[in-house]
């Protein structure tokens, strides 16, 4: 029945309308697809997170780094939940530090993060593509808590 109705509007002479109709269908179906996965491994299996913060520069101009190992289950879970699914436009060379997630002494993934206002994000490489995700204010405060 619906084909008869459509054929009434799309006569053989109006192939341009057929093309437009097909393009609209493609547009609607492609917009309905689920977004691609972020590419992060399952971080819930991590048993350690090493957070490395950028500290001040020494007298020779070399940057000092401070590392903190997190193994407490509650703290691990809280840190894992800081990573959102919301994209962030990545800005190069702006980071507060890195987080490396471990399972049985093997690194699962290393991410770069920034906790500064307007730059709060987590970034990592996946399939040779840089991916950045938004970091909430609360998440930034949590990460900064381990710095001191």
C-alpha atoms as a PDB file:
ATOM      1  CA  UNK A   1       0.000   0.000   0.000  1.00  0.00           C
ATOM      2  CA  UNK A   2       2.744   2.463   0.959  1.00  0.00           C
ATOM      3  CA  UNK A   3       4.597   1.727  -2.285  1.00  0.00           C
ATOM      4  CA  UNK A   4       1.517   2.739  -4.223  1.00  0.00           C
ATOM      5  CA  UNK A   5       1.351   5.996  -2.345  1.00  0.00           C
ATOM      6  CA  UNK A   6       5.058   6.651  -2.919  1.00  0.00           C
ATOM      7  CA  UNK A   7       4.807   5.787  -6.613  1.00  0.00           C
ATOM      8  CA  UNK A   8       2.097   8.413  -6.943  1.00  0.00           C
ATOM      9  CA  UNK A   9       4.582  11.086  -5.817  1.00  0.00           C
ATOM     10  CA  UNK A  10       7.642   9.671  -7.568  1.00  0.00           C
ATOM     11  CA  UNK A  11       6.808   9.305 -11.225  1.00  0.00           C
ATOM     12  CA  UNK A  12       9.413   7.937 -13.663  1.00  0.00           C
ATOM     13  CA  UNK A  13      10.017  11.504 -14.792  1.00  0.00           C
ATOM     14  CA  UNK A  14      11.118  12.672 -11.333  1.00  0.00           C
ATOM     15  CA  UNK A  15      14.334  10.753 -10.701  1.00  0.00           C
ATOM     16  CA  UNK A  16      15.732  13.729  -8.844  1.00  0.00           C
ATOM     17  CA  UNK A  17      13.036  13.233  -6.204  1.00  0.00           C
ATOM     18  CA  UNK A  18      14.038   9.593  -5.866  1.00  0.00           C
ATOM     19  CA  UNK A  19      17.638  10.585  -5.277  1.00  0.00           C
ATOM     20  CA  UNK A  20      16.606  13.156  -2.672  1.00  0.00           C
ATOM     21  CA  UNK A  21      14.364  10.595  -0.973  1.00  0.00           C
ATOM     22  CA  UNK A  22      17.174   8.018  -0.775  1.00  0.00           C
ATOM     23  CA  UNK A  23      19.580  10.631   0.567  1.00  0.00           C
ATOM     24  CA  UNK A  24      17.116  11.576   3.297  1.00  0.00           C
ATOM     25  CA  UNK A  25      16.699   7.931   4.308  1.00  0.00           C
ATOM     26  CA  UNK A  26      20.479   7.495   4.472  1.00  0.00           C
ATOM     27  CA  UNK A  27      20.819  10.653   6.538  1.00  0.00           C
ATOM     28  CA  UNK A  28      18.185   9.583   9.067  1.00  0.00           C
ATOM     29  CA  UNK A  29      19.574   6.077   9.457  1.00  0.00           C
ATOM     30  CA  UNK A  30      23.182   7.210   9.781  1.00  0.00           C
ATOM     31  CA  UNK A  31      22.265   9.782  12.438  1.00  0.00           C
ATOM     32  CA  UNK A  32      20.517   7.072  14.433  1.00  0.00           C
ATOM     33  CA  UNK A  33      23.664   4.940  14.754  1.00  0.00           C
ATOM     34  CA  UNK A  34      25.263   4.590  18.145  1.00  0.00           C
ATOM     35  CA  UNK A  35      28.476   6.545  18.640  1.00  0.00           C
ATOM     36  CA  UNK A  36      31.664   4.552  18.374  1.00  0.00           C
ATOM     37  CA  UNK A  37      33.205   3.228  21.537  1.00  0.00           C
ATOM     38  CA  UNK A  38      35.800   5.343  23.269  1.00  0.00           C
ATOM     39  CA  UNK A  39      38.372   2.572  22.915  1.00  0.00           C
ATOM     40  CA  UNK A  40      39.248   2.338  26.576  1.00  0.00           C
ATOM     41  CA  UNK A  41      39.916  -1.134  27.947  1.00  0.00           C
ATOM     42  CA  UNK A  42      37.845  -2.302  30.901  1.00  0.00           C
ATOM     43  CA  UNK A  43      39.349  -0.177  33.657  1.00  0.00           C
ATOM     44  CA  UNK A  44      37.328  -1.910  36.376  1.00  0.00           C
ATOM     45  CA  UNK A  45      39.903  -4.709  36.337  1.00  0.00           C
ATOM     46  CA  UNK A  46      42.747  -2.321  37.238  1.00  0.00           C
ATOM     47  CA  UNK A  47      44.421  -3.085  40.559  1.00  0.00           C
ATOM     48  CA  UNK A  48      46.759  -0.082  40.541  1.00  0.00           C
ATOM     49  CA  UNK A  49      46.844   3.415  39.076  1.00  0.00           C
ATOM     50  CA  UNK A  50      50.055   5.397  38.913  1.00  0.00           C
ATOM     51  CA  UNK A  51      49.358   9.121  38.693  1.00  0.00           C
ATOM     52  CA  UNK A  52      52.279  11.282  37.615  1.00  0.00           C
ATOM     53  CA  UNK A  53      51.938  15.037  38.117  1.00  0.00           C
ATOM     54  CA  UNK A  54      53.954  17.815  36.571  1.00  0.00           C
ATOM     55  CA  UNK A  55      55.621  19.728  39.397  1.00  0.00           C
ATOM     56  CA  UNK A  56      57.823  22.810  39.374  1.00  0.00           C
ATOM     57  CA  UNK A  57      61.002  23.209  37.367  1.00  0.00           C
ATOM     58  CA  UNK A  58      64.395  22.692  38.975  1.00  0.00           C
ATOM     59  CA  UNK A  59      67.257  25.221  38.754  1.00  0.00           C
ATOM     60  CA  UNK A  60      68.429  23.779  35.427  1.00  0.00           C
ATOM     61  CA  UNK A  61      64.972  24.197  33.857  1.00  0.00           C
ATOM     62  CA  UNK A  62      64.127  20.504  33.969  1.00  0.00           C
ATOM     63  CA  UNK A  63      60.551  19.693  34.993  1.00  0.00           C
ATOM     64  CA  UNK A  64      60.155  17.741  38.199  1.00  0.00           C
ATOM     65  CA  UNK A  65      57.566  14.961  38.249  1.00  0.00           C
ATOM     66  CA  UNK A  66      55.751  13.513  41.239  1.00  0.00           C
ATOM     67  CA  UNK A  67      54.282  10.004  41.078  1.00  0.00           C
ATOM     68  CA  UNK A  68      51.642   8.500  43.344  1.00  0.00           C
ATOM     69  CA  UNK A  69      50.555   4.846  43.321  1.00  0.00           C
ATOM     70  CA  UNK A  70      46.885   4.209  44.105  1.00  0.00           C
ATOM     71  CA  UNK A  71      45.922   0.676  45.180  1.00  0.00           C
ATOM     72  CA  UNK A  72      42.954   1.244  47.497  1.00  0.00           C
ATOM     73  CA  UNK A  73      39.868  -0.325  45.868  1.00  0.00           C
ATOM     74  CA  UNK A  74      37.571   2.610  46.698  1.00  0.00           C
ATOM     75  CA  UNK A  75      40.058   5.157  45.357  1.00  0.00           C
ATOM     76  CA  UNK A  76      40.629   3.054  42.216  1.00  0.00           C
ATOM     77  CA  UNK A  77      36.895   2.972  41.542  1.00  0.00           C
ATOM     78  CA  UNK A  78      36.528   6.710  42.126  1.00  0.00           C
ATOM     79  CA  UNK A  79      39.388   7.508  39.734  1.00  0.00           C
ATOM     80  CA  UNK A  80      38.083   5.107  37.065  1.00  0.00           C
ATOM     81  CA  UNK A  81      34.752   6.944  37.191  1.00  0.00           C
ATOM     82  CA  UNK A  82      36.421  10.293  36.426  1.00  0.00           C
ATOM     83  CA  UNK A  83      36.598   9.350  32.748  1.00  0.00           C
ATOM     84  CA  UNK A  84      33.392  10.367  31.006  1.00  0.00           C
ATOM     85  CA  UNK A  85      31.965   9.596  27.559  1.00  0.00           C
ATOM     86  CA  UNK A  86      31.597  13.259  26.629  1.00  0.00           C
ATOM     87  CA  UNK A  87      34.060  14.383  23.908  1.00  0.00           C
ATOM     88  CA  UNK A  88      36.440  17.273  24.531  1.00  0.00           C
ATOM     89  CA  UNK A  89      38.311  19.293  21.871  1.00  0.00           C
ATOM     90  CA  UNK A  90      41.883  18.310  22.715  1.00  0.00           C
ATOM     91  CA  UNK A  91      44.453  21.077  23.152  1.00  0.00           C
ATOM     92  CA  UNK A  92      48.045  19.972  22.631  1.00  0.00           C
ATOM     93  CA  UNK A  93      50.756  20.534  25.240  1.00  0.00           C
ATOM     94  CA  UNK A  94      48.293  21.356  27.981  1.00  0.00           C
ATOM     95  CA  UNK A  95      48.278  18.690  30.670  1.00  0.00           C
ATOM     96  CA  UNK A  96      48.599  18.341  34.420  1.00  0.00           C
ATOM     97  CA  UNK A  97      49.925  14.801  34.321  1.00  0.00           C
ATOM     98  CA  UNK A  98      49.304  11.193  33.348  1.00  0.00           C
ATOM     99  CA  UNK A  99      47.482   8.187  34.759  1.00  0.00           C
ATOM    100  CA  UNK A 100      48.600   4.658  33.995  1.00  0.00           C
ATOM    101  CA  UNK A 101      46.128   1.882  34.809  1.00  0.00           C
ATOM    102  CA  UNK A 102      47.649  -1.496  35.721  1.00  0.00           C
ATOM    103  CA  UNK A 103      46.336  -5.040  36.060  1.00  0.00           C
ATOM    104  CA  UNK A 104      48.760  -7.572  37.572  1.00  0.00           C
ATOM    105  CA  UNK A 105      51.754  -5.267  36.895  1.00  0.00           C
ATOM    106  CA  UNK A 106      50.835  -4.915  33.193  1.00  0.00           C
ATOM    107  CA  UNK A 107      49.846  -1.493  31.899  1.00  0.00           C
ATOM    108  CA  UNK A 108      46.302  -1.419  30.497  1.00  0.00           C
ATOM    109  CA  UNK A 109      46.439   2.167  29.235  1.00  0.00           C
ATOM    110  CA  UNK A 110      48.089   5.498  29.935  1.00  0.00           C
ATOM    111  CA  UNK A 111      46.021   8.665  29.686  1.00  0.00           C
ATOM    112  CA  UNK A 112      47.022  12.318  29.861  1.00  0.00           C
ATOM    113  CA  UNK A 113      44.840  14.623  31.944  1.00  0.00           C
ATOM    114  CA  UNK A 114      44.375  18.284  32.722  1.00  0.00           C
ATOM    115  CA  UNK A 115      42.599  19.570  35.814  1.00  0.00           C
ATOM    116  CA  UNK A 116      42.736  23.298  35.009  1.00  0.00           C
ATOM    117  CA  UNK A 117      39.422  25.100  34.488  1.00  0.00           C
ATOM    118  CA  UNK A 118      38.438  25.316  30.783  1.00  0.00           C
ATOM    119  CA  UNK A 119      40.959  22.561  29.959  1.00  0.00           C
ATOM    120  CA  UNK A 120      39.613  19.677  32.078  1.00  0.00           C
ATOM    121  CA  UNK A 121      39.988  16.523  30.036  1.00  0.00           C
ATOM    122  CA  UNK A 122      41.489  13.070  29.710  1.00  0.00           C
ATOM    123  CA  UNK A 123      43.223  12.173  26.428  1.00  0.00           C
ATOM    124  CA  UNK A 124      44.681   8.949  25.038  1.00  0.00           C
ATOM    125  CA  UNK A 125      45.575   7.244  21.764  1.00  0.00           C
ATOM    126  CA  UNK A 126      43.351   4.516  20.379  1.00  0.00           C
ATOM    127  CA  UNK A 127      43.844   2.958  16.924  1.00  0.00           C
ATOM    128  CA  UNK A 128      46.321   5.732  16.103  1.00  0.00           C
ATOM    129  CA  UNK A 129      43.675   8.351  16.833  1.00  0.00           C
ATOM    130  CA  UNK A 130      43.856  10.868  19.643  1.00  0.00           C
ATOM    131  CA  UNK A 131      40.692  10.767  21.751  1.00  0.00           C
ATOM    132  CA  UNK A 132      39.849  13.325  24.420  1.00  0.00           C
ATOM    133  CA  UNK A 133      37.007  13.140  26.924  1.00  0.00           C
ATOM    134  CA  UNK A 134      35.669  15.805  29.250  1.00  0.00           C
ATOM    135  CA  UNK A 135      36.707  15.794  32.905  1.00  0.00           C
ATOM    136  CA  UNK A 136      34.180  17.224  35.357  1.00  0.00           C
ATOM    137  CA  UNK A 137      35.081  19.743  38.057  1.00  0.00           C
ATOM    138  CA  UNK A 138      34.523  17.103  40.739  1.00  0.00           C
ATOM    139  CA  UNK A 139      36.761  14.649  38.894  1.00  0.00           C
ATOM    140  CA  UNK A 140      39.485  17.285  38.563  1.00  0.00           C
ATOM    141  CA  UNK A 141      39.319  17.967  42.310  1.00  0.00           C
ATOM    142  CA  UNK A 142      39.619  14.243  43.018  1.00  0.00           C
ATOM    143  CA  UNK A 143      42.740  13.944  40.846  1.00  0.00           C
ATOM    144  CA  UNK A 144      44.265  17.063  42.398  1.00  0.00           C
ATOM    145  CA  UNK A 145      43.672  15.586  45.867  1.00  0.00           C
ATOM    146  CA  UNK A 146      46.389  12.982  45.245  1.00  0.00           C
ATOM    147  CA  UNK A 147      48.907  15.623  44.158  1.00  0.00           C
ATOM    148  CA  UNK A 148      49.541  16.950  47.657  1.00  0.00           C
END
